Protein backbone atom coordinates (compact mmCIF):
# COMPACT_ATOMS: atom_id res chain seq x y z
CA MET A 1 0.09 -0.09 0.33
CA ALA A 2 1.35 3.67 -0.46
CA SER A 3 2.47 5.60 2.10
CA GLU A 4 1.36 8.54 3.49
CA TYR A 5 4.35 10.48 2.15
CA LEU A 6 3.68 9.18 -1.05
CA LYS A 7 0.69 10.24 -1.37
CA GLN A 8 1.47 13.80 0.34
CA THR A 9 4.28 14.47 -2.03
CA ILE A 10 1.65 13.78 -5.07
CA GLN A 11 -0.59 16.50 -3.69
CA GLY A 12 2.59 18.83 -3.62
CA TYR A 13 3.29 18.80 -6.78
CA GLU A 14 -0.47 19.24 -7.95
CA ASN A 15 0.07 22.08 -5.72
CA TYR A 16 2.75 23.43 -7.53
CA ILE A 17 1.02 22.58 -11.31
CA LYS A 18 -1.72 24.75 -10.13
CA GLN A 19 0.62 27.76 -9.33
CA SER A 20 3.61 27.04 -11.88
CA GLY A 21 1.66 25.01 -14.38
CA ILE A 22 3.52 21.99 -16.19
CA ASP A 23 7.52 22.09 -16.87
CA ASP A 24 9.75 19.51 -16.94
CA LYS A 25 10.61 19.66 -13.61
CA VAL A 26 7.09 18.43 -11.81
CA ILE A 27 7.55 15.66 -15.02
CA GLY A 28 10.28 14.20 -13.92
CA ALA A 29 9.45 14.59 -10.12
CA TYR A 30 5.97 12.67 -11.42
CA ILE A 31 7.82 9.80 -13.08
CA ASP A 32 10.24 8.98 -10.09
CA ALA A 33 6.78 9.01 -8.12
CA SER A 34 5.30 6.39 -10.46
CA LYS A 35 8.06 4.34 -9.95
CA THR A 36 8.26 4.47 -6.53
CA ALA A 37 4.75 3.19 -6.19
CA TYR A 38 5.72 0.41 -8.56
CA LEU A 39 8.97 -0.70 -7.69
CA ASN A 40 9.30 -0.08 -3.63
CA GLU A 41 5.63 0.16 -2.42
CA LYS A 42 4.72 -2.23 -4.56
CA ASP A 43 1.44 -0.78 -4.83
CA THR A 44 0.16 -1.25 -8.43
CA GLU A 45 -3.19 0.40 -8.36
CA TYR A 46 -2.06 3.80 -6.72
CA GLY A 47 0.99 3.45 -9.16
CA LEU A 48 -1.58 2.83 -11.88
CA LYS A 49 -3.34 6.08 -10.83
CA ILE A 50 0.25 8.11 -10.75
CA SER A 51 1.84 6.75 -14.11
CA LYS A 52 -1.36 7.86 -15.48
CA ARG A 53 -1.54 11.62 -14.41
CA SER A 54 2.32 11.33 -15.52
CA LYS A 55 1.36 10.47 -18.64
CA GLU A 56 -1.03 13.07 -18.99
CA LEU A 57 0.78 15.74 -18.28
CA ILE A 58 3.55 14.62 -21.19
CA GLU A 59 0.97 15.01 -23.59
CA GLN A 60 -0.29 18.10 -22.64
CA TYR A 61 3.49 19.45 -22.12
CA VAL A 62 4.18 18.34 -25.91
CA LEU A 63 0.66 19.36 -27.29
CA SER A 64 1.75 23.17 -25.53
CA LEU A 65 5.22 23.03 -27.08
CA ALA A 66 5.37 21.23 -30.22
CA LYS A 67 1.35 21.94 -31.07
CA MET A 68 0.90 17.78 -31.72
CA SER A 69 0.08 15.15 -29.77
CA ILE A 70 2.81 12.71 -28.17
CA TRP A 71 2.21 10.00 -31.22
CA ASP A 72 2.69 12.44 -33.57
CA LEU A 73 6.03 13.12 -32.14
CA ASP A 74 6.63 9.84 -31.81
CA SER A 75 6.01 9.77 -35.55
CA LEU A 76 7.81 12.10 -35.86
CA ALA A 77 10.47 11.01 -34.53
CA ASN A 78 10.81 7.65 -36.15
CA GLN A 79 11.15 9.04 -39.63
CA THR A 80 14.11 11.78 -38.88
CA LYS A 81 15.69 9.12 -36.40
CA LYS A 82 16.10 11.65 -33.74
CA ASN A 83 15.20 10.94 -30.04
CA TYR A 84 13.49 13.29 -27.73
CA GLN A 85 13.82 13.15 -23.98
CA ILE A 86 10.20 13.74 -23.42
CA LEU A 87 9.39 10.88 -25.61
CA ASP A 88 11.75 8.20 -23.45
CA LYS A 89 10.32 9.67 -20.41
CA TYR A 90 6.91 8.43 -21.75
CA TYR A 91 8.18 4.83 -22.60
CA ASP A 92 9.45 4.67 -19.37
CA LEU A 93 5.97 5.13 -17.79
CA LEU A 94 4.29 2.82 -20.04
CA LYS A 95 7.34 0.31 -19.52
CA LEU A 96 5.73 0.24 -15.60
CA GLU A 97 2.28 -0.03 -16.62
CA ALA A 98 3.46 -2.84 -19.24
CA PRO A 99 2.31 -5.96 -17.28
CA TYR A 100 -0.61 -4.52 -16.12
CA LEU A 101 -2.55 -2.64 -19.01
CA PHE A 102 -3.15 -4.36 -22.85
CA HIS A 103 -2.73 -1.03 -23.93
CA SER A 104 0.30 -0.06 -22.92
CA TYR A 105 2.27 -3.20 -22.98
CA LEU A 106 1.20 -3.24 -27.13
CA LEU A 107 2.77 0.25 -26.87
CA TYR A 108 6.15 -0.38 -25.37
CA LEU A 109 6.70 -3.74 -26.74
CA GLU A 110 7.06 -1.94 -30.31
CA LYS A 111 8.80 0.53 -29.54
CA ASN A 112 12.03 0.14 -31.55
CA ARG A 113 10.31 -1.17 -34.40
CA GLN A 114 10.02 1.09 -37.23
CA GLU A 115 6.30 2.79 -37.70
CA GLU A 116 5.48 1.33 -40.98
CA GLU A 117 6.28 -2.28 -39.62
CA LYS A 118 4.26 -1.42 -36.14
CA PHE A 119 0.99 -3.81 -35.32
CA TYR A 120 -0.54 -1.48 -33.10
CA ALA A 121 0.09 2.16 -33.11
CA PRO A 122 -1.00 2.67 -36.41
CA LYS A 123 -4.21 0.68 -35.51
CA MET A 124 -4.53 2.50 -32.00
CA GLU A 125 -7.38 4.75 -33.20
CA GLN A 126 -9.80 1.93 -34.37
CA LEU A 127 -8.98 -0.44 -32.13
CA ASN A 128 -9.67 1.31 -28.96
CA ARG A 129 -12.67 2.77 -31.23
CA HIS A 130 -14.44 -0.45 -31.58
CA GLY A 131 -13.25 -1.27 -27.64
CA LEU A 132 -11.33 -4.16 -28.55
CA ILE A 133 -8.30 -3.28 -26.23
CA GLN A 134 -10.59 -2.46 -23.38
CA ALA A 135 -12.60 -5.88 -23.81
CA LEU A 136 -9.56 -7.83 -23.31
CA GLN A 137 -8.63 -5.84 -20.47
CA ASP A 138 -11.72 -6.63 -18.65
CA LEU A 139 -11.01 -10.14 -19.72
CA GLU A 140 -7.97 -10.17 -17.86
CA ASP A 141 -9.15 -8.42 -14.99
CA ASP A 142 -11.68 -10.90 -14.25
CA LYS A 143 -14.80 -8.70 -15.48
CA LEU A 144 -15.86 -10.89 -18.11
CA ASP A 145 -15.37 -14.68 -18.67
CA LEU A 146 -15.88 -15.01 -22.43
CA LEU A 147 -15.26 -12.49 -25.61
CA SER A 148 -16.44 -13.12 -29.21
CA ILE A 149 -15.01 -10.50 -31.81
CA SER A 150 -15.70 -10.61 -35.56
CA MET A 151 -14.12 -8.39 -37.88
CA PRO A 152 -13.65 -8.66 -41.55
CA PRO A 153 -10.74 -10.87 -43.28
CA GLY A 154 -7.46 -9.22 -42.78
CA THR A 155 -8.19 -6.79 -40.39
CA GLN A 156 -5.71 -8.27 -38.07
CA LYS A 157 -7.70 -9.72 -35.22
CA THR A 158 -6.21 -13.21 -34.88
CA THR A 159 -2.65 -11.37 -34.79
CA LEU A 160 -4.01 -9.02 -32.09
CA GLU A 161 -4.57 -12.79 -30.07
CA LYS A 162 -1.25 -13.04 -30.86
CA PHE A 163 0.15 -10.05 -29.34
CA PHE A 164 -2.62 -10.75 -26.08
CA CYS A 165 -1.21 -14.33 -25.59
CA SER A 166 2.17 -13.02 -25.59
CA TRP A 167 1.52 -10.79 -22.62
CA ILE A 168 -0.74 -13.62 -21.02
CA ILE A 169 2.21 -15.71 -21.11
CA GLY A 170 4.43 -12.60 -19.44
CA ARG A 171 1.83 -12.31 -16.96
CA HIS A 172 1.53 -15.76 -16.01
CA PRO A 173 4.58 -17.87 -16.47
CA LYS A 174 3.71 -21.08 -14.57
CA ASP A 175 -0.07 -21.07 -16.53
CA TYR A 176 -0.75 -22.63 -19.44
CA SER A 177 -3.29 -21.74 -22.05
CA LEU A 178 -5.13 -23.66 -25.55
CA PHE A 179 -5.31 -22.30 -29.00
CA PHE A 180 -7.59 -24.32 -30.93
CA SER A 181 -8.60 -23.89 -35.15
CA HIS A 182 -9.95 -25.77 -37.76
CA SER A 183 -6.57 -25.88 -39.65
CA ASP A 184 -3.07 -26.90 -38.46
CA ASP A 185 -1.36 -24.09 -41.01
CA ILE A 186 -3.74 -21.57 -38.55
CA THR A 187 -2.24 -23.04 -35.53
CA ARG A 188 1.46 -23.35 -37.08
CA MET A 189 1.17 -19.70 -37.77
CA PHE A 190 -0.06 -18.57 -34.53
CA TYR A 191 2.90 -20.85 -32.91
CA ASP A 192 5.22 -18.96 -35.32
CA GLY A 193 3.29 -15.19 -34.28
CA VAL A 194 3.73 -16.05 -30.67
CA LEU A 195 7.18 -17.32 -30.28
CA ASP A 196 8.34 -14.53 -32.51
CA ILE A 197 6.95 -12.00 -30.24
CA THR A 198 8.61 -13.78 -27.26
CA THR A 199 11.94 -14.15 -28.13
CA ASN A 200 13.18 -11.63 -31.18
CA SER A 201 14.64 -9.17 -29.25
CA GLU A 202 15.68 -7.44 -32.29
CA GLU A 203 12.14 -6.72 -32.53
CA TYR A 204 10.12 -6.87 -29.31
CA THR A 205 11.01 -5.28 -25.83
CA TRP A 206 9.19 -8.55 -24.19
CA SER A 207 12.34 -9.67 -22.21
CA GLU A 208 12.41 -6.16 -20.94
CA ILE A 209 8.73 -6.13 -19.80
CA PHE A 210 9.28 -9.07 -18.52
CA PRO A 211 12.98 -10.04 -17.33
CA ASP A 212 12.26 -12.96 -14.92
CA VAL A 213 10.59 -15.00 -17.31
CA LYS A 214 12.86 -17.23 -19.63
CA LEU A 215 12.28 -19.34 -22.42
CA GLN A 216 12.29 -22.91 -21.16
CA ASN A 217 11.41 -25.48 -24.24
CA THR A 218 10.08 -25.20 -27.69
CA ASP A 219 8.42 -28.09 -29.78
CA ALA A 220 7.59 -26.91 -33.71
CA LYS A 221 6.37 -30.37 -34.62
CA ARG A 222 3.60 -30.32 -31.66
CA GLN A 223 3.31 -26.54 -31.84
CA ARG A 224 4.11 -26.00 -27.73
CA ILE A 225 6.01 -23.16 -26.03
CA ASN A 226 6.75 -23.13 -22.42
CA PHE A 227 8.49 -20.54 -20.21
CA ASP A 228 9.53 -21.09 -16.68
CA LYS A 229 9.99 -24.15 -15.68
CA PRO A 230 9.23 -27.48 -17.19
CA LYS A 231 5.44 -28.38 -16.49
CA ALA A 232 3.04 -31.30 -18.46
CA PHE A 233 1.41 -28.30 -19.94
CA SER A 234 3.54 -25.99 -22.07
CA ASN A 235 2.31 -21.92 -21.67
CA ILE A 236 0.57 -22.25 -25.18
CA GLN A 237 -0.20 -25.37 -27.04
CA CYS A 238 -1.86 -25.37 -30.08
CA THR A 239 -4.03 -27.89 -31.94
CA SER A 240 -6.77 -27.86 -34.35
CA VAL A 241 -10.48 -29.64 -35.26
CA GLY A 242 -10.25 -33.31 -35.35
CA SER A 243 -6.62 -34.04 -33.49
CA LYS A 244 -7.11 -36.67 -30.80
CA ASN A 245 -6.36 -34.11 -27.96
CA ALA A 246 -7.26 -35.96 -25.03
CA GLY A 247 -4.71 -35.98 -22.39
CA LYS A 248 -2.21 -34.40 -24.68
CA VAL A 249 -3.75 -30.43 -24.05
CA ARG A 250 -5.01 -29.08 -21.18
CA CYS A 251 -5.76 -25.01 -20.01
CA ASN A 252 -5.90 -23.56 -17.11
CA ARG A 253 -5.89 -19.82 -17.95
CA TYR A 254 -7.36 -19.35 -21.69
CA LEU A 255 -8.78 -21.18 -24.29
CA TYR A 256 -8.19 -19.71 -27.51
CA CYS A 257 -11.21 -20.72 -30.53
CA ASP A 258 -9.98 -19.32 -33.57
CA ASP A 259 -12.16 -20.00 -37.03
CA LEU A 260 -13.61 -22.89 -35.83
CA VAL A 261 -15.79 -22.99 -39.28
CA SER A 262 -14.04 -23.79 -42.07
CA GLY A 263 -15.55 -22.08 -44.63
CA ILE A 264 -18.79 -21.45 -46.34
CA GLU A 265 -19.70 -25.00 -47.56
CA GLU A 266 -19.30 -25.85 -44.06
CA ALA A 267 -21.38 -23.21 -42.66
CA LEU A 268 -24.06 -24.07 -45.07
CA ASN A 269 -24.38 -27.55 -43.74
CA LYS A 270 -26.61 -27.92 -40.93
CA LYS A 271 -25.32 -31.13 -39.70
CA ALA A 272 -22.03 -30.12 -39.78
CA LEU A 273 -22.16 -27.08 -37.55
CA ASP A 274 -23.91 -29.73 -35.60
CA LYS A 275 -21.35 -31.97 -35.05
CA LEU A 276 -18.80 -29.03 -34.99
CA TRP A 277 -20.42 -28.21 -31.51
CA ARG A 278 -20.18 -31.09 -29.96
CA ILE A 279 -16.73 -31.15 -31.13
CA TYR A 280 -16.25 -27.48 -29.06
CA GLY A 281 -18.28 -29.06 -26.10
CA THR A 282 -16.66 -32.35 -25.91
CA ASP A 283 -13.18 -31.53 -27.27
CA ALA A 284 -11.78 -27.94 -26.89
CA ARG A 285 -14.21 -26.92 -23.82
CA GLN A 286 -12.84 -30.24 -22.19
CA ARG A 287 -9.30 -29.02 -21.85
CA LYS A 288 -10.49 -26.37 -20.10
CA LEU A 289 -9.36 -27.29 -15.80
CA ASN A 290 -11.79 -25.40 -14.05
CA GLU A 291 -14.35 -22.43 -14.27
CA GLN A 292 -11.71 -19.90 -14.34
CA VAL A 293 -10.73 -20.51 -17.59
CA LYS A 294 -11.52 -17.51 -19.76
CA GLU A 295 -12.29 -17.93 -23.46
CA ILE A 296 -11.73 -16.09 -26.94
CA HIS A 297 -13.86 -16.69 -29.65
CA ILE A 298 -12.55 -15.02 -32.88
CA ALA A 299 -14.54 -16.14 -36.09
CA THR A 300 -16.54 -14.90 -39.18
CA ARG A 301 -20.16 -14.99 -38.40
CA TRP A 302 -21.25 -17.43 -40.54
CA SER A 303 -24.29 -18.91 -39.31
CA VAL A 304 -26.61 -18.57 -36.33
CA HIS A 305 -26.09 -22.33 -35.80
CA ASP A 306 -22.28 -21.83 -35.44
CA VAL A 307 -20.80 -21.95 -32.30
CA ILE A 308 -20.30 -18.31 -31.29
CA GLY A 309 -24.36 -17.95 -32.67
CA ARG A 310 -24.95 -20.77 -29.88
CA LEU A 311 -23.07 -19.59 -27.74
CA GLN A 312 -24.98 -15.66 -28.09
CA ARG A 313 -27.82 -17.45 -27.48
CA ILE A 314 -26.76 -19.44 -24.39
CA TYR A 315 -25.74 -16.73 -22.75
CA ALA A 316 -28.06 -13.71 -23.73
CA LYS A 317 -28.27 -12.78 -20.22
CA SER A 318 -24.76 -12.36 -18.80
CA ASP A 319 -22.76 -9.69 -18.17
CA ARG A 320 -19.80 -11.12 -18.23
CA VAL A 321 -19.74 -12.35 -21.71
CA ARG A 322 -19.26 -9.85 -24.43
CA PHE A 323 -20.08 -10.04 -28.42
CA ILE A 324 -17.77 -7.71 -30.65
CA ALA A 325 -19.00 -7.68 -34.49
CA VAL A 326 -17.72 -4.77 -36.32
CA PRO A 327 -18.36 -4.55 -40.13
CA ASP A 328 -16.65 -3.31 -43.13
CA ILE A 329 -18.43 0.28 -42.90
CA ASP A 330 -19.80 2.58 -40.78
CA PRO A 331 -23.58 2.15 -41.34
CA VAL A 332 -24.07 5.69 -39.41
CA THR A 333 -20.91 7.72 -40.84
CA GLY A 334 -20.46 5.69 -43.61
CA ARG A 335 -16.82 5.58 -43.63
CA SER A 336 -14.26 2.05 -43.22
CA ASN A 337 -14.29 0.50 -39.68
CA PHE A 338 -10.80 0.16 -40.72
CA ASP A 339 -8.83 2.45 -42.44
CA TYR A 340 -5.74 1.92 -40.51
CA LYS A 341 -2.56 4.28 -41.20
CA TYR A 342 -0.94 1.97 -43.00
CA ASN A 343 -2.07 -0.97 -44.83
CA GLY A 344 -5.62 0.32 -44.20
CA MET A 345 -9.04 -0.66 -46.01
CA SER A 346 -11.10 2.25 -47.66
CA VAL A 347 -15.03 2.00 -48.60
CA GLU A 348 -13.50 1.66 -52.13
CA PHE A 349 -12.06 -1.53 -51.39
CA PHE A 350 -14.73 -2.91 -49.61
CA HIS A 351 -16.70 -1.91 -52.63
CA ASP A 352 -14.60 -3.00 -55.13
CA GLN A 353 -14.56 -6.81 -52.99
CA GLU A 354 -17.85 -7.03 -53.11
CA LEU A 355 -18.72 -6.61 -56.92
CA THR A 356 -16.77 -10.47 -57.21
CA MET A 357 -18.98 -11.51 -54.25
CA ASP A 358 -21.81 -13.51 -53.93
CA ASP A 359 -24.70 -11.60 -51.52
CA ILE A 360 -24.49 -14.45 -48.81
CA SER A 361 -20.77 -14.68 -48.19
CA TYR A 362 -20.34 -10.74 -48.37
CA ARG A 363 -22.24 -10.47 -45.59
CA CYS A 364 -20.90 -13.13 -43.69
CA LEU A 365 -17.27 -12.44 -44.11
CA TYR A 366 -17.58 -8.41 -44.26
CA LYS A 367 -20.65 -7.53 -42.54
CA ASN A 368 -20.76 -10.26 -40.08
CA GLU A 369 -24.25 -10.69 -40.81
CA PRO A 370 -24.88 -14.91 -40.59
CA VAL A 371 -26.38 -16.33 -43.34
CA GLU A 372 -29.76 -17.14 -41.91
CA ARG A 373 -31.02 -15.56 -38.67
CA GLU A 374 -33.34 -17.09 -35.87
CA GLY A 375 -36.63 -16.29 -35.72
CA LEU A 376 -37.07 -15.45 -39.32
CA LEU A 377 -40.72 -13.82 -39.87
CA TYR A 378 -40.12 -13.81 -44.06
CA HIS A 379 -38.62 -16.74 -45.52
CA ASP A 380 -38.45 -17.36 -49.22
CA ASP A 381 -40.64 -20.01 -49.55
CA ASP A 382 -43.57 -18.28 -48.23
CA LEU A 383 -43.58 -15.18 -50.56
CA ARG A 384 -45.24 -15.22 -53.83
CA ARG A 385 -43.69 -14.63 -56.66
CA PHE A 386 -44.49 -13.73 -60.47
CA MET A 387 -42.55 -13.38 -63.78
CA SER A 388 -45.82 -11.51 -65.42
CA MET A 389 -48.78 -9.67 -64.58
CA PRO A 390 -52.24 -10.21 -65.77
CA LEU A 391 -53.05 -8.84 -69.24
CA ARG A 392 -55.56 -6.50 -68.47
CA GLU A 393 -55.83 -2.97 -66.88
CA PRO A 394 -54.69 -2.72 -62.86
CA ASP A 395 -57.54 -2.00 -60.49
CA ALA A 396 -55.39 0.55 -59.30
CA ILE A 397 -51.86 1.63 -58.67
CA LEU A 398 -50.84 2.46 -55.08
CA GLY A 399 -47.79 3.24 -52.48
CA ILE A 400 -47.40 4.02 -49.44
CA CYS A 401 -43.93 5.77 -48.04
CA ASP A 402 -41.89 5.18 -45.02
CA VAL A 403 -39.64 8.27 -45.29
CA LYS A 404 -35.73 8.27 -43.64
CA ASN A 405 -35.60 9.19 -40.01
CA LYS A 406 -31.77 8.82 -38.73
CA GLY A 407 -28.46 8.41 -40.36
CA THR A 408 -29.13 4.15 -40.52
CA ASP A 409 -32.81 4.06 -41.80
CA PHE A 410 -34.03 3.96 -45.34
CA MET A 411 -36.72 5.40 -47.43
CA PHE A 412 -38.89 2.64 -48.51
CA LEU A 413 -42.01 3.18 -51.12
CA PRO A 414 -42.94 0.39 -52.62
CA CYS A 415 -45.22 0.64 -55.82
CA MET A 416 -48.09 -1.99 -56.14
CA TYR A 417 -50.52 -2.60 -59.01
CA GLN A 418 -53.65 -3.97 -57.67
CA PHE A 419 -55.49 -6.66 -59.34
CA ASP A 420 -58.71 -7.92 -57.45
CA ASN A 421 -56.93 -9.03 -54.06
CA ASP A 422 -54.10 -9.30 -55.17
CA PHE A 423 -50.91 -6.52 -55.48
CA TYR A 424 -47.79 -7.15 -57.44
CA LEU A 425 -44.55 -4.69 -56.56
CA VAL A 426 -43.64 -4.17 -59.38
CA ASP A 427 -41.13 -1.47 -58.53
CA CYS A 428 -39.87 0.39 -55.42
CA ILE A 429 -37.26 2.74 -53.82
CA CYS A 430 -34.92 1.35 -50.93
CA ASP A 431 -32.30 4.03 -50.35
CA ASP A 432 -30.80 5.06 -47.15
CA THR A 433 -29.39 8.86 -48.93
CA THR A 434 -29.14 11.59 -46.59
CA ASP A 435 -29.90 14.34 -49.42
CA TYR A 436 -33.22 15.50 -49.60
CA GLY A 437 -33.08 16.70 -53.01
CA ILE A 438 -32.62 13.27 -54.47
CA GLN A 439 -35.22 11.90 -52.25
CA TYR A 440 -37.35 14.41 -53.63
CA SER A 441 -36.72 13.61 -57.17
CA ARG A 442 -36.51 9.60 -56.48
CA LEU A 443 -39.81 9.70 -55.02
CA SER A 444 -41.49 12.13 -57.65
CA ASN A 445 -40.17 10.36 -60.70
CA ILE A 446 -41.45 6.68 -59.55
CA ILE A 447 -45.10 8.39 -59.13
CA VAL A 448 -45.13 9.77 -62.42
CA ASP A 449 -43.56 6.79 -64.34
CA HIS A 450 -45.70 4.59 -62.76
CA LYS A 451 -48.89 6.59 -63.00
CA MET A 452 -49.41 6.27 -59.48
CA GLN A 453 -53.08 7.05 -58.65
CA GLN A 454 -52.64 7.43 -54.45
CA CYS A 455 -49.90 7.39 -52.08
CA GLU A 456 -49.58 7.54 -48.80
CA PHE A 457 -46.59 9.37 -46.18
CA GLU A 458 -45.72 8.11 -43.01
CA SER A 459 -45.93 11.96 -41.30
CA ASN A 460 -44.19 10.89 -38.14
CA SER A 461 -40.65 11.77 -38.63
CA GLY A 462 -41.25 14.91 -41.22
CA GLY A 463 -42.93 13.09 -43.43
CA ASP A 464 -45.57 15.77 -44.22
CA ARG A 465 -42.99 18.23 -45.38
CA VAL A 466 -41.40 15.50 -47.60
CA SER A 467 -45.19 14.83 -49.04
CA TYR A 468 -45.74 17.98 -49.47
CA GLU A 469 -42.64 18.68 -51.61
CA VAL A 470 -42.95 15.71 -53.99
CA ALA A 471 -46.86 16.57 -54.29
CA GLN A 472 -45.66 20.08 -55.56
CA ARG A 473 -42.80 18.16 -58.55
CA VAL A 474 -45.50 15.37 -59.35
CA GLU A 475 -47.77 18.29 -60.39
CA GLU A 476 -45.29 20.17 -61.99
CA MET A 477 -44.32 16.66 -63.85
CA GLY A 478 -47.96 16.69 -64.97
CA GLY A 479 -48.55 13.74 -62.66
CA ARG A 480 -52.24 12.69 -61.45
CA CYS A 481 -51.75 11.31 -57.89
CA ASN A 482 -53.74 11.95 -54.75
CA ILE A 483 -50.82 12.08 -51.84
CA THR A 484 -51.63 12.25 -48.26
CA ASP A 485 -50.08 11.64 -44.69
CA LYS A 486 -50.72 9.83 -41.95
CA PRO A 487 -49.48 9.16 -38.67
CA THR A 488 -48.35 6.01 -37.72
CA GLU A 489 -50.30 5.10 -34.01
CA THR A 490 -49.45 1.26 -33.17
CA ASN A 491 -45.85 -0.51 -31.67
CA LYS A 492 -43.72 -1.16 -34.70
CA GLU A 493 -42.91 -4.49 -34.16
CA THR A 494 -46.69 -5.73 -33.43
CA ARG A 495 -47.54 -4.06 -36.44
CA ILE A 496 -44.95 -5.44 -38.44
CA ILE A 497 -45.87 -9.29 -37.06
CA VAL A 498 -49.79 -9.33 -37.31
CA ASN A 499 -49.96 -7.95 -41.07
CA ALA A 500 -46.77 -9.96 -41.89
CA ASP A 501 -49.47 -13.27 -42.91
CA TRP A 502 -51.98 -10.95 -45.31
CA VAL A 503 -48.37 -9.50 -46.91
CA LYS A 504 -47.76 -13.47 -47.64
CA LYS A 505 -50.57 -14.09 -48.68
CA HIS A 506 -51.82 -10.79 -51.01
CA VAL A 507 -48.57 -9.01 -52.00
CA LEU A 508 -46.33 -10.87 -55.07
CA PHE A 509 -42.82 -10.13 -55.40
CA ARG A 510 -40.62 -10.42 -58.49
CA ASP A 511 -39.22 -13.31 -59.48
CA LYS A 512 -35.54 -13.49 -58.09
CA GLU A 513 -34.17 -13.29 -62.36
CA LYS A 514 -36.30 -10.08 -62.31
CA TYR A 515 -33.80 -7.96 -60.06
CA LYS A 516 -30.33 -7.86 -58.85
CA PRO A 517 -28.94 -8.14 -55.36
CA LYS A 518 -27.37 -4.40 -55.46
CA GLU A 519 -30.41 -2.68 -57.12
CA ASP A 520 -33.12 -1.48 -54.68
CA TYR A 521 -35.59 -3.80 -55.32
CA GLY A 522 -32.71 -6.49 -54.61
CA VAL A 523 -32.12 -4.43 -50.98
CA MET A 524 -35.70 -4.55 -50.00
CA MET A 525 -35.80 -8.33 -50.42
CA SER A 526 -32.43 -8.82 -48.61
CA TRP A 527 -33.86 -6.94 -45.73
CA LEU A 528 -37.25 -8.37 -45.83
CA LEU A 529 -35.78 -11.75 -45.29
CA THR A 530 -33.75 -11.32 -42.61
CA TYR A 531 -36.25 -9.47 -40.51
CA SER A 532 -35.76 -11.37 -37.20
CA VAL A 533 -38.80 -11.38 -34.24
CA VAL A 534 -35.67 -12.94 -31.50
CA GLY A 535 -33.37 -9.78 -30.83
CA LYS A 536 -32.53 -6.94 -32.84
CA ASN A 537 -32.70 -5.85 -36.24
CA ASP A 538 -30.78 -2.87 -38.15
CA HIS A 539 -32.87 -2.31 -40.64
CA ASP A 540 -36.77 -2.73 -40.24
CA ASP A 541 -37.85 -0.01 -42.82
CA VAL A 542 -39.21 -2.95 -45.54
CA PRO A 543 -41.54 -5.17 -43.25
CA ASP A 544 -42.88 -2.32 -41.35
CA GLY A 545 -43.83 -0.16 -44.85
CA LEU A 546 -45.39 -3.27 -45.84
CA ALA A 547 -47.02 -3.76 -42.68
CA ASN A 548 -48.38 -0.20 -43.20
CA PHE A 549 -49.22 -0.83 -46.56
CA CYS A 550 -51.59 -3.87 -45.31
CA LEU A 551 -53.59 -1.25 -43.24
CA PHE A 552 -53.64 1.09 -45.86
CA VAL A 553 -55.14 -1.11 -48.11
CA THR A 554 -57.68 -2.67 -45.78
CA ARG A 555 -58.75 -0.37 -43.59
CA GLY A 556 -60.85 1.55 -46.53
CA SER A 557 -62.73 -0.11 -49.46
CA LEU A 558 -59.69 -0.70 -51.74
CA VAL A 559 -60.06 -4.47 -50.86
CA ALA A 560 -63.19 -6.15 -51.33
CA LYS A 561 -64.97 -7.43 -48.00
CA CYS A 562 -67.16 -10.70 -48.03
CA GLU A 563 -70.04 -11.12 -46.10
CA ALA A 564 -72.41 -13.98 -44.71
CA ALA A 565 -75.77 -13.88 -46.64
CA VAL A 566 -78.44 -16.06 -47.18
CA ASN A 567 -78.53 -18.30 -50.20
CA PRO A 568 -82.17 -17.84 -51.74
CA PHE A 569 -81.77 -20.95 -53.98
CA ARG A 570 -81.56 -23.32 -50.31
CA ARG A 571 -85.00 -24.27 -49.18
């Protein structure tokens, strides 16, 4: 526990800062106090508070003098090959924190590497924004028992896992962990990566952070690395699905499960996923010594029936389990989630990848959206399809518009041709543009092009304004359409569910050959067929729009009603 003298000394430094500001003298004093707390008084908790404050002082000092952040200065030093004493002091603090804070460990571990070769510093902003570093810290601080991470390929999620594993080895040299994957190639890459981090002193400062932890033995064939003293199970053991693991491997610290599903073929096979779940339960999980062993799962979200999907359902109400899934592009900002400083991925890159892939594979790999979802309200087999319409004029041409409300919403307007009690959805707008000019133009064009006779706009989210602007444009274009607006008053989820049966019976959708996945009609079908009554839906505009259309046509006289009557021919 920190002494009262040290605490009073720190208070004296704060009083000095209030009177004289931040200078090199008080920064040096704070660093010395940090070392005293860590090394002499052995109070890690108080030491972390002092070192955090020390780093804040350095960051403010650099910003005031150099007009740049500490990491901009670090980048400059790396490029110009110059040494800055203030940077050395900052790294001294990181070294003190490294055994206890994963963030500080990552920074100090690579301090001697060239900037463009570093793993963490160029990706620090993104990895922290997505909550990955804090989640791993929470796991080690015993705030979590299980962590799942899903991100697009090439974003280096497994590399992050290697660095975490190397940190755990240094922190717990007497313990042992297990890495489990579908492929021997992946397990070998993990083995090589962890070995390099922990033994390559030219690239990494691992031996500086953990000077008392010495390499004891390596076994490349069996993929085992052991530190400290000889023990029955090495610090890190790697094995794959299908290996005979009974008695050979075990873990008392961490179980790392990385890409247990081999690919889309296995993901589409429910029996294969059932078998994989059994292997996970009877093989991988049986290697855990007790309930104290933590789990990390890193994988593509292929299916709701994959291991992560089943774990989500099992631990849905647990606050000691965390599932992180980061898509390629932020749905709110429209920016890449992985625009790293070096070898980052742009929005254009993701769009180019999407062009050459089928929709299902892209959604799984880059959006973290499983090929199917639990509790789907609409199934493809439930829907009525059409190749052509009846050879006569429709009874009516109708539309209803769910306007765009917030960043992730879609503007949705289906164009329906009515033939008796059937409604052919011939065209639609399903667009997430935030440009009102484009919205007004597209809405007025579809109304005029299809000679729509009646269209109702939802007025809750500014739809009354949208309907007014569209009505003006339709009139200017020579169109004739009764455009109205009406607020929605019922609960959205209830409205969607109770009207789904009517939609399935009365709405006909184009045959699959009549639209492409990336056009509005294809986007509409995608959102309709992925709406789930279980869990959260990111996009419910399409099923809600169709539910509102049902209410629109059934509350008036657009659909014929059938009433019981006495049969005059029956006696």
